[in-house]
Each structure stands twice: as C-alpha cells, then as structure tokens.
Amino acid sequence: MKTFLKPLTSEEEKYYLQEYKRGSQEAKNVLIERNLRLVAHIVKKYQGVEEELDDLISIGTIGLIKAIHTFNQEKSNRLSTYAARCIDNELLMLLRSKKKTSKDISLYEPIGTDREGNEINLLDVIENEPVDVVKNYSLKQDIRKLYYLLGFVLTKREAEVLKLRFGLYGCDELTQREIAKRLNISRSYVSRIEKNAILKLRNAFFSS
C-alpha cells in the first residue's frame, strides 16, 4: 500500500474545511489527500473479500468525499470520526450490491422443515454460521435495520407473531402451534401472518 500524507491537525482541518465551504477546490483536494490514510486504514478490515484493493480504496475515497461534502462542524468535533462511518458505509454498500447482483441466496429462502413441518430458512440458523469481521459487522447493521422496520412496517399482530416465532426482544422462541394457542387463532393463520410479515420486511429492507 502506498505511503500517505500525514493527517491534518485539528486547526489545519478546521481551516481547510472553512476554505472548502467558501468554495476552494484546493482546500477540498487537501482534505481528501490528507485523509487517504484513514481510507486505507478502514479498507484493511475488508482484506479477504474478492474486490481488488485499488477498487476498495476508490470506493472508500468516494465515501470520504461524501463525508467532506456533508460534514457539519457544529455536530461533530473531527472530520475523521464522521468520515470513518461514511467510508465504512460506502464499502458495505458495495459488498451488499455485489451480493444482490450475484444472486446470493436470500436469508428467507426455505432450506428445509422442522419436525412439525414448519419451514426453516437461513435466518433461523445464521447465528450458527462462522462469519468474518466484515460480514459480522454487516450482519449487525442489517439486524438493527430489521428491528427498526419491525416496528415501522408491520401491524401489531404481525410484529407479535415474529417476536414469538424468532424469540425477539427476549421472548421465548415458540412454534407456530404454540403461538396459535397463545393468540387463540389457528396454526394456518399464524403461518400466513408469519409469511406476510417476512415478505413485508424483506420488501421494506431492500427498498430502503
């Protein structure tokens, strides 16, 4: 990996950010060049993926440029803290888009049934799969997003069924029959609610 320029001091950063806000292209270039070391540092976490290192640096740099453009000094003390998140997000979006275009199996794709005949999908067993740091971080981000969508796009009943079915929010993980008994509805109705809720979550997840 090439040698990068030293990061800006706090005062230097403040100066060039002010100059950039005034329209200085030279200041923008300085902010980019002096933060490329940060891009390279974050890219190291993604070693082992199929993408070429130069491509990762390029994508990370796009995240850096976006950070410089949207950075608000009133909300954050240092550009580097904010930029690190933007660079990470840009790299993760690249990896996710690659997964989608390569037609990877969906987390909700049925892979079998349990003894009661309930469908088992990858989401049920993913916690048992070994993951590397990048995949684990991406998974945590996806889980946070799913929890948010759970309370945003589902009805109370749909959310309740998924909470009980998958043991969310500390609930016990129940079978469809157990859920049906608890909610005083039929097992087939529980199954329909579950499938519809997962479909709504999936559509919301990939459209947002």
Protein backbone atom coordinates (compact mmCIF):
# COMPACT_ATOMS: atom_id res chain seq x y z
CA MET A 1 0.00 0.00 0.00
CA LYS A 2 1.36 3.44 -0.91
CA THR A 3 2.62 5.93 1.63
CA PHE A 4 0.02 8.54 2.52
CA LEU A 5 0.43 12.09 3.78
CA LYS A 6 0.12 12.75 7.48
CA PRO A 7 -3.36 13.63 8.79
CA LEU A 8 -4.22 17.26 9.33
CA THR A 9 -4.04 18.74 12.79
CA SER A 10 -7.29 19.93 14.34
CA GLU A 11 -6.50 23.54 13.47
CA GLU A 12 -5.45 22.70 9.91
CA GLU A 13 -8.60 20.66 9.40
CA LYS A 14 -10.77 23.49 10.66
CA TYR A 15 -9.03 25.94 8.32
CA TYR A 16 -9.37 23.81 5.19
CA LEU A 17 -12.98 22.94 5.97
CA GLN A 18 -13.78 26.65 6.20
CA GLU A 19 -11.96 27.30 2.95
CA TYR A 20 -13.79 24.45 1.26
CA LYS A 21 -17.15 25.85 2.43
CA ARG A 22 -16.12 29.10 0.78
CA GLY A 23 -15.71 27.23 -2.50
CA SER A 24 -12.00 26.41 -2.57
CA GLN A 25 -11.30 23.34 -4.71
CA GLU A 26 -7.71 23.34 -3.49
CA ALA A 27 -8.92 23.03 0.11
CA LYS A 28 -11.12 20.10 -0.88
CA ASN A 29 -8.15 18.36 -2.51
CA VAL A 30 -6.06 18.86 0.63
CA LEU A 31 -8.83 17.40 2.80
CA ILE A 32 -9.03 14.37 0.53
CA GLU A 33 -5.27 13.79 0.25
CA ARG A 34 -4.60 14.20 3.97
CA ASN A 35 -7.38 11.75 4.88
CA LEU A 36 -6.47 8.97 2.45
CA ARG A 37 -4.55 7.30 5.27
CA LEU A 38 -7.92 6.89 7.04
CA VAL A 39 -9.40 5.28 3.93
CA ALA A 40 -6.51 2.83 3.75
CA HIS A 41 -6.85 2.01 7.44
CA ILE A 42 -10.55 1.17 7.09
CA VAL A 43 -10.01 -0.79 3.88
CA LYS A 44 -7.66 -3.12 5.80
CA LYS A 45 -10.72 -4.51 7.60
CA TYR A 46 -12.02 -5.71 4.25
CA GLN A 47 -8.96 -7.73 3.26
CA GLY A 48 -10.03 -11.15 2.09
CA VAL A 49 -13.03 -10.05 0.06
CA GLU A 50 -13.00 -10.62 -3.68
CA GLU A 51 -12.67 -6.94 -4.60
CA GLU A 52 -9.30 -5.58 -5.71
CA LEU A 53 -7.52 -3.37 -3.17
CA ASP A 54 -7.43 -0.42 -5.59
CA ASP A 55 -11.19 -0.72 -6.11
CA LEU A 56 -11.78 -0.71 -2.36
CA ILE A 57 -9.57 2.36 -1.98
CA SER A 58 -11.55 4.08 -4.76
CA ILE A 59 -14.90 3.26 -3.17
CA GLY A 60 -13.61 4.30 0.25
CA THR A 61 -12.43 7.58 -1.23
CA ILE A 62 -15.93 8.21 -2.57
CA GLY A 63 -17.18 7.78 0.99
CA LEU A 64 -14.53 10.25 2.17
CA ILE A 65 -15.58 12.83 -0.45
CA LYS A 66 -19.20 12.46 0.60
CA ALA A 67 -18.15 12.96 4.21
CA ILE A 68 -16.25 16.16 3.37
CA HIS A 69 -19.26 17.45 1.43
CA THR A 70 -21.82 16.73 4.18
CA PHE A 71 -19.70 17.28 7.31
CA ASN A 72 -21.19 19.66 9.86
CA GLN A 73 -18.63 21.03 12.30
CA GLU A 74 -21.41 22.04 14.69
CA LYS A 75 -22.43 18.39 15.15
CA SER A 76 -19.02 16.70 15.27
CA ASN A 77 -15.60 17.73 16.52
CA ARG A 78 -13.44 15.95 13.95
CA LEU A 79 -13.98 15.13 10.32
CA SER A 80 -12.15 11.80 10.72
CA THR A 81 -14.77 10.44 13.14
CA TYR A 82 -17.60 11.28 10.77
CA ALA A 83 -15.66 10.23 7.66
CA ALA A 84 -14.88 6.80 9.10
CA ARG A 85 -18.60 5.99 9.22
CA CYS A 86 -19.16 7.30 5.69
CA ILE A 87 -16.25 5.27 4.30
CA ASP A 88 -17.47 2.14 6.08
CA ASN A 89 -20.99 2.65 4.76
CA GLU A 90 -19.77 3.10 1.21
CA LEU A 91 -17.72 -0.11 1.34
CA LEU A 92 -20.57 -2.08 2.89
CA MET A 93 -22.98 -0.84 0.23
CA LEU A 94 -20.56 -2.08 -2.43
CA LEU A 95 -20.35 -5.54 -0.88
CA ARG A 96 -24.12 -5.76 -0.42
CA SER A 97 -24.78 -4.72 -4.02
CA LYS A 98 -22.33 -7.37 -5.19
CA LYS A 99 -24.20 -9.98 -3.18
CA LYS A 100 -27.52 -8.94 -4.68
CA THR A 101 -26.27 -8.93 -8.27
CA SER A 102 -24.55 -12.29 -7.83
CA LYS A 103 -27.94 -13.75 -6.85
CA ASP A 104 -26.90 -14.94 -3.42
CA ILE A 105 -29.47 -16.98 -1.52
CA SER A 106 -31.91 -14.86 0.46
CA LEU A 107 -31.94 -15.07 4.25
CA TYR A 108 -35.60 -16.01 3.89
CA GLU A 109 -35.05 -18.80 1.35
CA PRO A 110 -36.52 -22.07 2.73
CA ILE A 111 -33.85 -24.71 3.33
CA GLY A 112 -35.99 -27.40 4.95
CA THR A 113 -38.63 -28.09 7.56
CA ASP A 114 -38.59 -28.99 11.24
CA ARG A 115 -40.36 -31.95 12.86
CA GLU A 116 -43.63 -30.04 12.94
CA GLY A 117 -43.49 -29.22 9.27
CA ASN A 118 -42.56 -25.56 9.80
CA GLU A 119 -40.32 -24.07 7.16
CA ILE A 120 -36.75 -23.36 8.26
CA ASN A 121 -34.86 -20.59 6.48
CA LEU A 122 -31.34 -19.22 6.64
CA LEU A 123 -32.42 -16.53 9.09
CA ASP A 124 -33.20 -19.29 11.61
CA VAL A 125 -29.70 -20.75 11.54
CA ILE A 126 -27.47 -17.86 10.56
CA GLU A 127 -26.26 -17.35 14.13
CA ASN A 128 -24.58 -20.75 13.89
CA GLU A 129 -22.62 -19.82 10.75
CA PRO A 130 -18.99 -18.70 11.11
CA VAL A 131 -18.54 -15.12 9.87
CA ASP A 132 -15.55 -12.86 9.40
CA VAL A 133 -15.30 -9.35 10.83
CA VAL A 134 -16.78 -7.65 7.77
CA LYS A 135 -19.73 -10.00 7.45
CA ASN A 136 -20.35 -9.82 11.18
CA TYR A 137 -20.40 -6.02 11.11
CA SER A 138 -22.69 -6.04 8.09
CA LEU A 139 -24.97 -8.55 9.80
CA LYS A 140 -25.25 -6.36 12.90
CA GLN A 141 -26.17 -3.38 10.75
CA ASP A 142 -28.83 -5.45 8.98
CA ILE A 143 -30.24 -6.68 12.28
CA ARG A 144 -30.57 -3.12 13.57
CA LYS A 145 -32.38 -2.19 10.39
CA LEU A 146 -34.72 -5.19 10.69
CA TYR A 147 -35.59 -4.31 14.27
CA TYR A 148 -36.41 -0.77 13.18
CA LEU A 149 -38.59 -1.99 10.31
CA LEU A 150 -40.31 -4.49 12.59
CA GLY A 151 -42.00 -1.68 14.47
CA PHE A 152 -42.41 0.54 11.43
CA VAL A 153 -43.94 -1.55 8.62
CA LEU A 154 -45.75 -4.36 10.48
CA THR A 155 -49.09 -4.43 12.23
CA LYS A 156 -49.11 -5.18 15.97
CA ARG A 157 -50.21 -8.74 15.30
CA GLU A 158 -47.57 -9.34 12.64
CA ALA A 159 -44.86 -7.96 14.94
CA GLU A 160 -46.14 -10.09 17.82
CA VAL A 161 -46.05 -13.27 15.75
CA LEU A 162 -42.47 -12.64 14.59
CA LYS A 163 -41.34 -11.75 18.12
CA LEU A 164 -42.68 -15.05 19.41
CA ARG A 165 -41.62 -17.09 16.38
CA PHE A 166 -37.98 -15.95 16.38
CA GLY A 167 -37.55 -15.11 20.08
CA LEU A 168 -37.06 -11.38 19.53
CA TYR A 169 -36.83 -8.79 22.33
CA GLY A 170 -36.12 -11.52 24.87
CA CYS A 171 -39.27 -13.51 24.09
CA ASP A 172 -39.20 -17.29 24.17
CA GLU A 173 -38.96 -18.83 20.70
CA LEU A 174 -42.23 -20.66 20.05
CA THR A 175 -43.53 -22.99 17.36
CA GLN A 176 -46.43 -21.95 15.18
CA ARG A 177 -48.73 -24.25 17.17
CA GLU A 178 -47.67 -22.66 20.46
CA ILE A 179 -48.22 -19.18 19.02
CA ALA A 180 -51.64 -20.20 17.72
CA LYS A 181 -52.63 -21.43 21.17
CA ARG A 182 -51.35 -18.29 22.89
CA LEU A 183 -53.12 -15.92 20.48
CA ASN A 184 -56.22 -18.13 20.19
CA ILE A 185 -56.02 -18.40 16.41
CA SER A 186 -55.38 -21.27 14.01
CA ARG A 187 -51.90 -22.54 13.17
CA SER A 188 -52.53 -21.94 9.45
CA TYR A 189 -53.41 -18.32 10.25
CA VAL A 190 -50.17 -17.95 12.21
CA SER A 191 -48.29 -19.33 9.20
CA ARG A 192 -49.96 -16.82 6.86
CA ILE A 193 -49.23 -13.93 9.21
CA GLU A 194 -45.60 -15.00 9.50
CA LYS A 195 -45.08 -15.31 5.75
CA ASN A 196 -46.80 -11.99 5.01
CA ALA A 197 -44.82 -10.22 7.74
CA ILE A 198 -41.49 -11.59 6.46
CA LEU A 199 -42.42 -10.55 2.91
CA LYS A 200 -43.24 -7.02 4.09
CA LEU A 201 -39.96 -6.83 6.00
CA ARG A 202 -37.99 -8.10 3.03
CA ASN A 203 -39.58 -5.62 0.62
CA ALA A 204 -39.01 -2.74 3.04
CA PHE A 205 -35.45 -3.87 3.78
CA PHE A 206 -34.31 -3.95 0.16
CA SER A 207 -36.19 -0.83 -0.92
CA SER A 208 -34.76 1.41 1.81
